[in-house]
């Protein structure tokens, strides 16, 4: 019984991380459904509204090292509670907002930090204490929570907006987050944060003499290779995903149908992440990365065809190809960073690498909105996304330390 207990606790921690990631990413991505009604209410152009989403992504990325440092210092209870409180409070403020800066402060700044608190930096540190060499698989499950959150919350957001309006929808979401904060605080976080003794001993035995610092990590080529992959991939993927519901509506699909279709990407995201992780162990990192990026590129092509032939088979193909690879590289990047930059400051180092993801998501989503406003077309936007997705895979192909 004593031998099984650590395994049971590890699975509970994994399930908890998955649930928190569903909440964080699901509510963070829900803005893609609120984009059109907010824009219509105030008459703002696409770039202005998308700037809210871009700010959330930017702040989330920039705060990642701070979140990692806070996690190392204060533990998971403080970080996760802070994230839920920020998101819940931000939604309540947004429900009464009248000015763009109020949305940027609440849905941008506060939600950005909140999502980062409930994000992959925190989960990678906590799960690393329980899963050790199996961290890649564990993080694949957690990364798939983005899809589960999108699947659950985006259609729900659209239904609430249609029935009670976007302001009341934010009130409902904000209240729900603050209510969930209470049971979160009552969990046995001291036990969860301790980790598995076996994993800790193994990590200590495998740890080289050098204890990585942030400065030393930044002098290593792998740091910037991982940063670049995060950055360019996020630019390409978020340039599209931030406006995907609006894109599908413009292509002729009903709003609820568009939100539900994009929400269905959550179903295929878990399969995509687990498949890429499995491929990594079978055919190697270089080939598995190539396969994942090939599907992303095919998804962009299918999305372009939807403007010409708006039909359900093409829509399903896009969701499967693009949705299955949305974030599929994340577990590999996380495991690679944890393998290379071991030591007491791994949370801070991985947080610094994650700045690339937040910065890329911010630039990609804002640039996508600006490109659409300036050209009045989605074609330049899709080309912009395609180029950046291709750039994102280059470090894993060119750098030996990343593809091994």
Protein backbone atom coordinates (compact mmCIF):
# COMPACT_ATOMS: atom_id res chain seq x y z
CA UNK A 1 0.00 0.00 0.00
CA UNK A 2 2.82 2.39 0.85
CA UNK A 3 4.39 1.77 -2.58
CA UNK A 4 1.17 2.64 -4.39
CA UNK A 5 0.48 5.83 -2.50
CA UNK A 6 3.06 8.03 -4.30
CA UNK A 7 1.70 6.85 -7.66
CA UNK A 8 -1.85 7.67 -6.60
CA UNK A 9 -0.79 11.09 -5.37
CA UNK A 10 1.09 11.72 -8.62
CA UNK A 11 -2.07 10.98 -10.61
CA UNK A 12 -4.10 13.28 -8.35
CA UNK A 13 -1.54 16.07 -8.92
CA UNK A 14 -1.69 15.45 -12.67
CA UNK A 15 -5.49 15.62 -12.65
CA UNK A 16 -5.39 18.81 -10.61
CA UNK A 17 -2.88 20.44 -12.97
CA UNK A 18 -5.07 19.41 -15.90
CA UNK A 19 -8.16 20.94 -14.27
CA UNK A 20 -6.37 24.20 -13.47
CA UNK A 21 -5.01 24.37 -17.01
CA UNK A 22 -8.52 23.83 -18.39
CA UNK A 23 -9.74 26.75 -16.31
CA UNK A 24 -6.83 29.03 -17.12
CA UNK A 25 -6.52 28.37 -20.84
CA UNK A 26 -10.24 27.92 -21.41
CA UNK A 27 -11.17 31.26 -19.88
CA UNK A 28 -8.13 32.90 -21.45
CA UNK A 29 -9.11 31.72 -24.93
CA UNK A 30 -12.79 32.59 -24.37
CA UNK A 31 -12.01 36.13 -25.54
CA UNK A 32 -12.07 34.87 -29.13
CA UNK A 33 -15.84 34.47 -28.71
CA UNK A 34 -16.30 37.81 -26.93
CA UNK A 35 -14.32 39.65 -29.62
CA UNK A 36 -17.19 40.30 -32.03
CA UNK A 37 -19.88 41.37 -29.51
CA UNK A 38 -17.48 43.72 -27.73
CA UNK A 39 -16.38 45.19 -31.06
CA UNK A 40 -20.00 45.67 -32.13
CA UNK A 41 -20.98 47.25 -28.81
CA UNK A 42 -18.33 49.96 -28.94
CA UNK A 43 -17.65 50.19 -32.68
CA UNK A 44 -13.95 49.44 -32.30
CA UNK A 45 -11.92 48.07 -35.19
CA UNK A 46 -10.35 44.64 -35.12
CA UNK A 47 -6.85 45.76 -34.10
CA UNK A 48 -8.18 47.70 -31.11
CA UNK A 49 -10.18 44.77 -29.79
CA UNK A 50 -7.44 42.21 -30.48
CA UNK A 51 -5.02 44.45 -28.56
CA UNK A 52 -6.78 43.24 -25.39
CA UNK A 53 -5.99 39.62 -26.24
CA UNK A 54 -2.48 40.57 -27.33
CA UNK A 55 -1.80 42.32 -24.04
CA UNK A 56 -2.93 39.24 -22.11
CA UNK A 57 -0.54 37.07 -24.13
CA UNK A 58 2.33 39.55 -23.77
CA UNK A 59 1.88 40.01 -20.03
CA UNK A 60 1.51 36.26 -19.58
CA UNK A 61 4.81 35.67 -21.34
CA UNK A 62 6.71 38.47 -19.61
CA UNK A 63 5.47 37.40 -16.19
CA UNK A 64 6.48 33.74 -16.69
CA UNK A 65 9.95 34.07 -15.07
CA UNK A 66 8.41 35.92 -12.13
CA UNK A 67 5.79 33.18 -11.80
CA UNK A 68 8.55 30.56 -11.87
CA UNK A 69 10.49 32.42 -9.18
CA UNK A 70 7.33 32.84 -7.07
CA UNK A 71 6.58 29.13 -7.43
CA UNK A 72 10.12 28.19 -6.37
CA UNK A 73 9.87 30.51 -3.37
CA UNK A 74 6.22 30.34 -2.19
CA UNK A 75 4.87 27.10 -3.64
CA UNK A 76 1.83 26.08 -5.69
CA UNK A 77 -0.93 27.22 -3.31
CA UNK A 78 0.09 30.88 -3.56
CA UNK A 79 0.61 30.82 -7.32
CA UNK A 80 -2.58 28.96 -8.25
CA UNK A 81 -4.76 30.96 -5.82
CA UNK A 82 -3.37 34.22 -7.19
CA UNK A 83 -4.19 33.13 -10.73
CA UNK A 84 -7.80 32.25 -10.01
CA UNK A 85 -8.37 35.43 -7.99
CA UNK A 86 -6.96 37.63 -10.77
CA UNK A 87 -9.05 36.01 -13.52
CA UNK A 88 -12.25 36.06 -11.47
CA UNK A 89 -11.81 39.69 -10.44
CA UNK A 90 -10.87 40.70 -13.98
CA UNK A 91 -14.05 39.21 -15.45
CA UNK A 92 -16.21 41.08 -12.93
CA UNK A 93 -14.45 44.36 -13.78
CA UNK A 94 -14.78 43.70 -17.52
CA UNK A 95 -18.54 43.15 -17.17
CA UNK A 96 -18.88 46.84 -16.26
CA UNK A 97 -16.11 48.29 -18.45
CA UNK A 98 -16.83 51.14 -20.88
CA UNK A 99 -13.37 52.16 -22.13
CA UNK A 100 -10.71 50.27 -24.06
CA UNK A 101 -8.10 50.83 -21.34
CA UNK A 102 -10.43 49.24 -18.79
CA UNK A 103 -10.61 46.08 -20.89
CA UNK A 104 -6.85 46.15 -21.42
CA UNK A 105 -6.26 46.47 -17.67
CA UNK A 106 -8.72 43.71 -16.70
CA UNK A 107 -8.82 41.22 -19.59
CA UNK A 108 -5.30 42.11 -20.69
CA UNK A 109 -3.07 42.70 -17.67
CA UNK A 110 -4.91 40.77 -14.94
CA UNK A 111 -6.04 37.83 -17.07
CA UNK A 112 -2.55 37.60 -18.59
CA UNK A 113 -0.93 37.22 -15.18
CA UNK A 114 -3.73 34.95 -13.99
CA UNK A 115 -3.40 32.57 -16.93
CA UNK A 116 0.39 32.52 -16.45
CA UNK A 117 -0.12 31.51 -12.80
CA UNK A 118 -2.30 28.61 -13.94
CA UNK A 119 -0.01 27.86 -16.86
CA UNK A 120 2.70 25.50 -17.97
CA UNK A 121 5.60 26.99 -16.01
CA UNK A 122 3.88 26.17 -12.72
CA UNK A 123 2.70 22.77 -13.91
CA UNK A 124 6.11 21.75 -15.28
CA UNK A 125 7.81 22.49 -11.95
CA UNK A 126 5.18 20.66 -9.89
CA UNK A 127 4.86 17.66 -12.19
CA UNK A 128 8.64 17.40 -12.53
CA UNK A 129 8.73 16.53 -8.84
CA UNK A 130 6.37 13.60 -9.40
CA UNK A 131 7.02 12.22 -12.88
CA UNK A 132 10.74 12.67 -13.51
CA UNK A 133 11.62 10.93 -16.78
CA UNK A 134 7.92 10.67 -17.66
CA UNK A 135 7.48 14.44 -17.56
CA UNK A 136 7.03 14.64 -21.36
CA UNK A 137 3.91 12.46 -21.23
CA UNK A 138 2.58 14.24 -18.15
CA UNK A 139 3.04 17.65 -19.77
CA UNK A 140 1.38 16.39 -22.96
CA UNK A 141 -1.73 15.69 -20.89
CA UNK A 142 -1.58 19.14 -19.28
CA UNK A 143 -0.92 20.93 -22.58
CA UNK A 144 -4.00 19.22 -23.98
CA UNK A 145 -6.02 21.06 -21.33
CA UNK A 146 -5.94 24.04 -23.68
CA UNK A 147 -8.10 22.04 -26.05
CA UNK A 148 -10.36 20.76 -23.30
CA UNK A 149 -10.84 24.31 -22.04
CA UNK A 150 -11.61 25.56 -25.53
CA UNK A 151 -14.06 22.69 -26.09
CA UNK A 152 -15.89 23.31 -22.82
CA UNK A 153 -15.84 27.09 -22.46
CA UNK A 154 -16.05 28.54 -25.98
CA UNK A 155 -19.46 27.06 -26.88
CA UNK A 156 -20.67 27.88 -23.34
CA UNK A 157 -19.49 31.46 -23.81
CA UNK A 158 -21.40 31.77 -27.09
CA UNK A 159 -24.58 30.35 -25.53
CA UNK A 160 -24.37 32.76 -22.59
CA UNK A 161 -23.67 35.73 -24.85
CA UNK A 162 -26.71 34.93 -27.00
CA UNK A 163 -29.00 34.41 -24.00
CA UNK A 164 -27.91 36.98 -21.41
CA UNK A 165 -25.37 39.20 -23.21
CA UNK A 166 -21.62 39.41 -22.95
CA UNK A 167 -21.62 41.53 -19.77
CA UNK A 168 -23.72 39.03 -17.83
CA UNK A 169 -21.60 36.19 -19.23
CA UNK A 170 -18.49 37.80 -17.74
CA UNK A 171 -20.31 38.25 -14.43
CA UNK A 172 -21.19 34.54 -14.35
CA UNK A 173 -17.64 33.48 -15.22
CA UNK A 174 -16.05 35.86 -12.70
CA UNK A 175 -18.30 34.70 -9.88
CA UNK A 176 -17.63 31.04 -10.71
CA UNK A 177 -13.86 31.58 -10.56
CA UNK A 178 -14.02 33.22 -7.13
CA UNK A 179 -16.26 30.46 -5.79
CA UNK A 180 -13.81 27.78 -7.00
CA UNK A 181 -11.03 29.59 -5.18
CA UNK A 182 -12.35 28.37 -1.81
CA UNK A 183 -11.94 24.60 -2.34
CA UNK A 184 -8.62 25.24 -4.07
CA UNK A 185 -7.18 26.76 -0.90
CA UNK A 186 -8.27 23.76 1.18
CA UNK A 187 -6.30 21.17 -0.78
CA UNK A 188 -3.23 19.46 0.83
CA UNK A 189 -0.70 21.57 -1.00
CA UNK A 190 2.18 20.73 1.33
CA UNK A 191 1.92 17.08 0.27
CA UNK A 192 1.47 17.98 -3.39
CA UNK A 193 4.49 20.29 -3.38
CA UNK A 194 6.79 17.74 -1.71
CA UNK A 195 7.00 15.49 -4.74
CA UNK A 196 8.00 11.86 -4.98
CA UNK A 197 11.01 10.85 -2.90
CA UNK A 198 12.07 8.41 -5.62
CA UNK A 199 11.97 11.09 -8.33
CA UNK A 200 13.84 13.51 -6.11
CA UNK A 201 16.59 10.97 -5.40
CA UNK A 202 16.89 10.08 -9.09
CA UNK A 203 17.09 13.72 -10.09
CA UNK A 204 19.76 14.36 -7.45
CA UNK A 205 21.80 11.39 -8.69
CA UNK A 206 21.54 12.51 -12.32
CA UNK A 207 22.19 16.19 -11.60
CA UNK A 208 25.57 17.33 -12.94
CA UNK A 209 27.92 19.35 -10.84
CA UNK A 210 26.87 22.59 -12.52
CA UNK A 211 23.78 24.25 -11.08
CA UNK A 212 22.34 26.38 -13.87
CA UNK A 213 21.72 30.07 -13.33
CA UNK A 214 19.56 32.24 -15.57
CA UNK A 215 22.64 34.11 -16.82
CA UNK A 216 24.46 30.88 -17.65
CA UNK A 217 21.39 29.46 -19.40
CA UNK A 218 21.08 32.57 -21.54
CA UNK A 219 24.62 32.01 -22.80
CA UNK A 220 23.68 28.55 -24.04
CA UNK A 221 22.49 28.19 -27.63
CA UNK A 222 19.70 25.82 -26.56
CA UNK A 223 18.08 28.61 -24.55
CA UNK A 224 17.67 30.81 -27.59
CA UNK A 225 16.75 27.89 -29.81
CA UNK A 226 13.84 27.00 -27.51
CA UNK A 227 12.95 30.68 -27.18
CA UNK A 228 12.85 31.07 -30.97
CA UNK A 229 10.70 28.00 -31.46
CA UNK A 230 8.25 29.25 -28.85
CA UNK A 231 8.26 32.74 -30.37
CA UNK A 232 7.81 32.10 -34.10
CA UNK A 233 5.38 29.22 -33.62
CA UNK A 234 3.23 31.35 -31.31
CA UNK A 235 3.27 34.24 -33.79
CA UNK A 236 2.00 32.00 -36.57
CA UNK A 237 -0.59 30.03 -34.59
CA UNK A 238 -2.03 32.95 -32.59
CA UNK A 239 -2.25 35.23 -35.62
CA UNK A 240 -4.96 32.80 -36.72
CA UNK A 241 -6.47 31.44 -33.49
CA UNK A 242 -7.24 34.86 -32.01
CA UNK A 243 -9.62 35.59 -34.90
CA UNK A 244 -10.72 32.10 -35.88
CA UNK A 245 -14.34 32.42 -34.69
CA UNK A 246 -14.68 35.77 -36.47
CA UNK A 247 -13.04 34.27 -39.57
CA UNK A 248 -15.49 31.39 -39.69
CA UNK A 249 -18.46 33.72 -39.18
CA UNK A 250 -17.21 35.90 -42.05
CA UNK A 251 -16.87 32.75 -44.15
CA UNK A 252 -20.59 32.05 -43.72
CA UNK A 253 -20.90 29.86 -40.64
CA UNK A 254 -23.34 30.69 -37.83
CA UNK A 255 -21.68 32.13 -34.66
CA UNK A 256 -22.59 29.16 -32.44
CA UNK A 257 -21.51 26.73 -35.17
CA UNK A 258 -18.19 28.56 -35.52
CA UNK A 259 -17.57 28.61 -31.77
CA UNK A 260 -18.52 24.95 -31.42
CA UNK A 261 -16.35 23.89 -34.36
CA UNK A 262 -13.33 25.68 -32.96
CA UNK A 263 -14.16 24.37 -29.51
CA UNK A 264 -14.08 20.85 -30.96
CA UNK A 265 -10.37 21.34 -31.49
CA UNK A 266 -10.12 20.37 -27.84
CA UNK A 267 -11.14 16.83 -28.74
CA UNK A 268 -8.31 16.40 -31.22
CA UNK A 269 -5.71 18.39 -29.28
CA UNK A 270 -5.11 15.67 -26.68
CA UNK A 271 -4.76 13.06 -29.42
CA UNK A 272 -2.38 15.34 -31.30
CA UNK A 273 -0.15 16.01 -28.32
CA UNK A 274 0.00 12.39 -27.24
CA UNK A 275 0.68 11.33 -30.84
CA UNK A 276 3.56 13.78 -31.23
CA UNK A 277 4.98 12.67 -27.87
CA UNK A 278 4.70 9.03 -28.95
CA UNK A 279 6.28 9.78 -32.32
CA UNK A 280 9.16 11.47 -30.52
CA UNK A 281 10.00 8.16 -28.81
CA UNK A 282 9.58 6.14 -32.02
CA UNK A 283 11.03 8.19 -34.88
CA UNK A 284 13.00 10.83 -33.01
CA UNK A 285 12.56 14.51 -32.28
CA UNK A 286 13.48 15.87 -35.69
CA UNK A 287 10.97 13.76 -37.60
CA UNK A 288 8.19 14.13 -35.02
CA UNK A 289 8.60 17.91 -35.13
CA UNK A 290 8.45 17.83 -38.94
CA UNK A 291 5.20 15.83 -38.83
CA UNK A 292 3.56 18.22 -36.36
CA UNK A 293 4.52 21.30 -38.37
CA UNK A 294 3.35 19.65 -41.61
CA UNK A 295 -0.12 19.23 -40.11
CA UNK A 296 -0.13 22.86 -38.92
CA UNK A 297 0.74 24.05 -42.42
CA UNK A 298 -1.94 21.81 -43.96
CA UNK A 299 -4.44 23.30 -41.51
CA UNK A 300 -3.63 26.82 -42.70
CA UNK A 301 -4.14 25.73 -46.31
CA UNK A 302 -7.52 24.20 -45.47
CA UNK A 303 -8.53 27.37 -43.65
CA UNK A 304 -7.84 29.37 -46.81
CA UNK A 305 -9.96 26.96 -48.85
CA UNK A 306 -12.86 27.49 -46.43
CA UNK A 307 -13.21 31.04 -47.75
CA UNK A 308 -13.82 29.62 -51.20
CA UNK A 309 -15.69 26.43 -50.30
CA UNK A 310 -17.35 26.87 -46.88
CA UNK A 311 -18.43 23.33 -46.07
CA UNK A 312 -18.33 20.98 -43.11
CA UNK A 313 -15.78 18.45 -44.46
CA UNK A 314 -13.21 21.21 -45.01
CA UNK A 315 -14.04 22.70 -41.62
CA UNK A 316 -13.52 19.32 -39.97
CA UNK A 317 -10.21 18.90 -41.80
CA UNK A 318 -9.00 22.29 -40.61
CA UNK A 319 -10.00 21.61 -37.00
CA UNK A 320 -8.26 18.22 -37.04
CA UNK A 321 -5.03 19.40 -38.67
CA UNK A 322 -4.63 22.79 -37.03
CA UNK A 323 -6.27 21.94 -33.72
CA UNK A 324 -4.34 18.70 -33.20
CA UNK A 325 -1.01 20.53 -33.50
CA UNK A 326 -1.95 23.67 -31.56
CA UNK A 327 0.58 23.45 -28.74
CA UNK A 328 1.70 19.94 -29.68
CA UNK A 329 5.34 21.02 -29.57
CA UNK A 330 4.95 22.35 -26.04
CA UNK A 331 5.61 19.10 -24.12
CA UNK A 332 8.76 18.45 -26.17
CA UNK A 333 10.05 21.98 -25.53
CA UNK A 334 9.26 21.70 -21.82
CA UNK A 335 10.97 18.33 -21.42
CA UNK A 336 13.99 19.52 -23.41
CA UNK A 337 14.37 22.61 -21.22
CA UNK A 338 13.99 20.57 -18.03
CA UNK A 339 16.59 18.08 -19.27
CA UNK A 340 19.20 20.67 -20.22
CA UNK A 341 18.78 23.33 -17.51
CA UNK A 342 18.51 21.29 -14.33
CA UNK A 343 18.94 22.79 -10.89
CA UNK A 344 17.26 24.93 -8.27
CA UNK A 345 16.42 27.70 -10.72
CA UNK A 346 14.82 25.58 -13.43
CA UNK A 347 11.44 27.26 -12.85
CA UNK A 348 12.86 30.71 -13.43
CA UNK A 349 14.87 29.55 -16.46
CA UNK A 350 11.90 27.86 -18.10
CA UNK A 351 9.83 30.95 -17.31
CA UNK A 352 12.40 33.06 -19.15
CA UNK A 353 12.20 30.72 -22.16
CA UNK A 354 8.41 30.95 -22.03
CA UNK A 355 8.64 34.70 -22.61
CA UNK A 356 9.09 33.72 -26.24
CA UNK A 357 5.66 32.09 -26.31
CA UNK A 358 3.89 35.04 -24.69
CA UNK A 359 5.72 37.60 -26.80
CA UNK A 360 4.98 35.63 -29.96
CA UNK A 361 1.32 35.22 -29.08
CA UNK A 362 1.01 38.94 -28.40
CA UNK A 363 2.75 40.00 -31.61
CA UNK A 364 0.94 37.37 -33.66
CA UNK A 365 -2.58 38.17 -32.45
CA UNK A 366 -2.11 41.95 -32.62
CA UNK A 367 -0.38 41.79 -36.01
CA UNK A 368 -3.15 39.56 -37.31
CA UNK A 369 -5.78 42.11 -36.32
CA UNK A 370 -3.75 44.97 -37.79
CA UNK A 371 -3.12 43.11 -41.06
CA UNK A 372 -6.85 42.42 -41.40
CA UNK A 373 -7.71 46.09 -40.76
CA UNK A 374 -5.12 47.43 -43.20
CA UNK A 375 -5.85 45.03 -46.05
CA UNK A 376 -9.50 44.14 -45.45
CA UNK A 377 -8.55 40.57 -46.31
CA UNK A 378 -7.50 37.42 -44.51
CA UNK A 379 -5.09 36.27 -47.23
CA UNK A 380 -2.09 38.38 -46.08
CA UNK A 381 -2.83 37.25 -42.53
CA UNK A 382 -2.69 33.57 -43.50
CA UNK A 383 0.58 34.12 -45.42
CA UNK A 384 2.05 35.90 -42.39
CA UNK A 385 1.03 32.99 -40.17
CA UNK A 386 2.44 30.41 -42.59
CA UNK A 387 5.86 32.06 -42.77
CA UNK A 388 6.18 32.22 -38.99
CA UNK A 389 5.11 28.61 -38.49
CA UNK A 390 7.87 27.54 -40.88
CA UNK A 391 10.39 29.70 -39.00
CA UNK A 392 9.28 28.09 -35.75
CA UNK A 393 10.47 24.62 -36.68
CA UNK A 394 13.95 25.66 -37.85
CA UNK A 395 15.73 25.58 -34.43
CA UNK A 396 14.63 22.00 -33.80
CA UNK A 397 15.89 21.02 -37.22
CA UNK A 398 19.16 22.90 -37.11
CA UNK A 399 20.32 22.51 -33.49
CA UNK A 400 21.56 19.08 -32.42
CA UNK A 401 21.00 19.73 -28.71
CA UNK A 402 17.27 20.25 -29.32
CA UNK A 403 16.46 17.35 -31.62
CA UNK A 404 18.20 14.64 -29.57
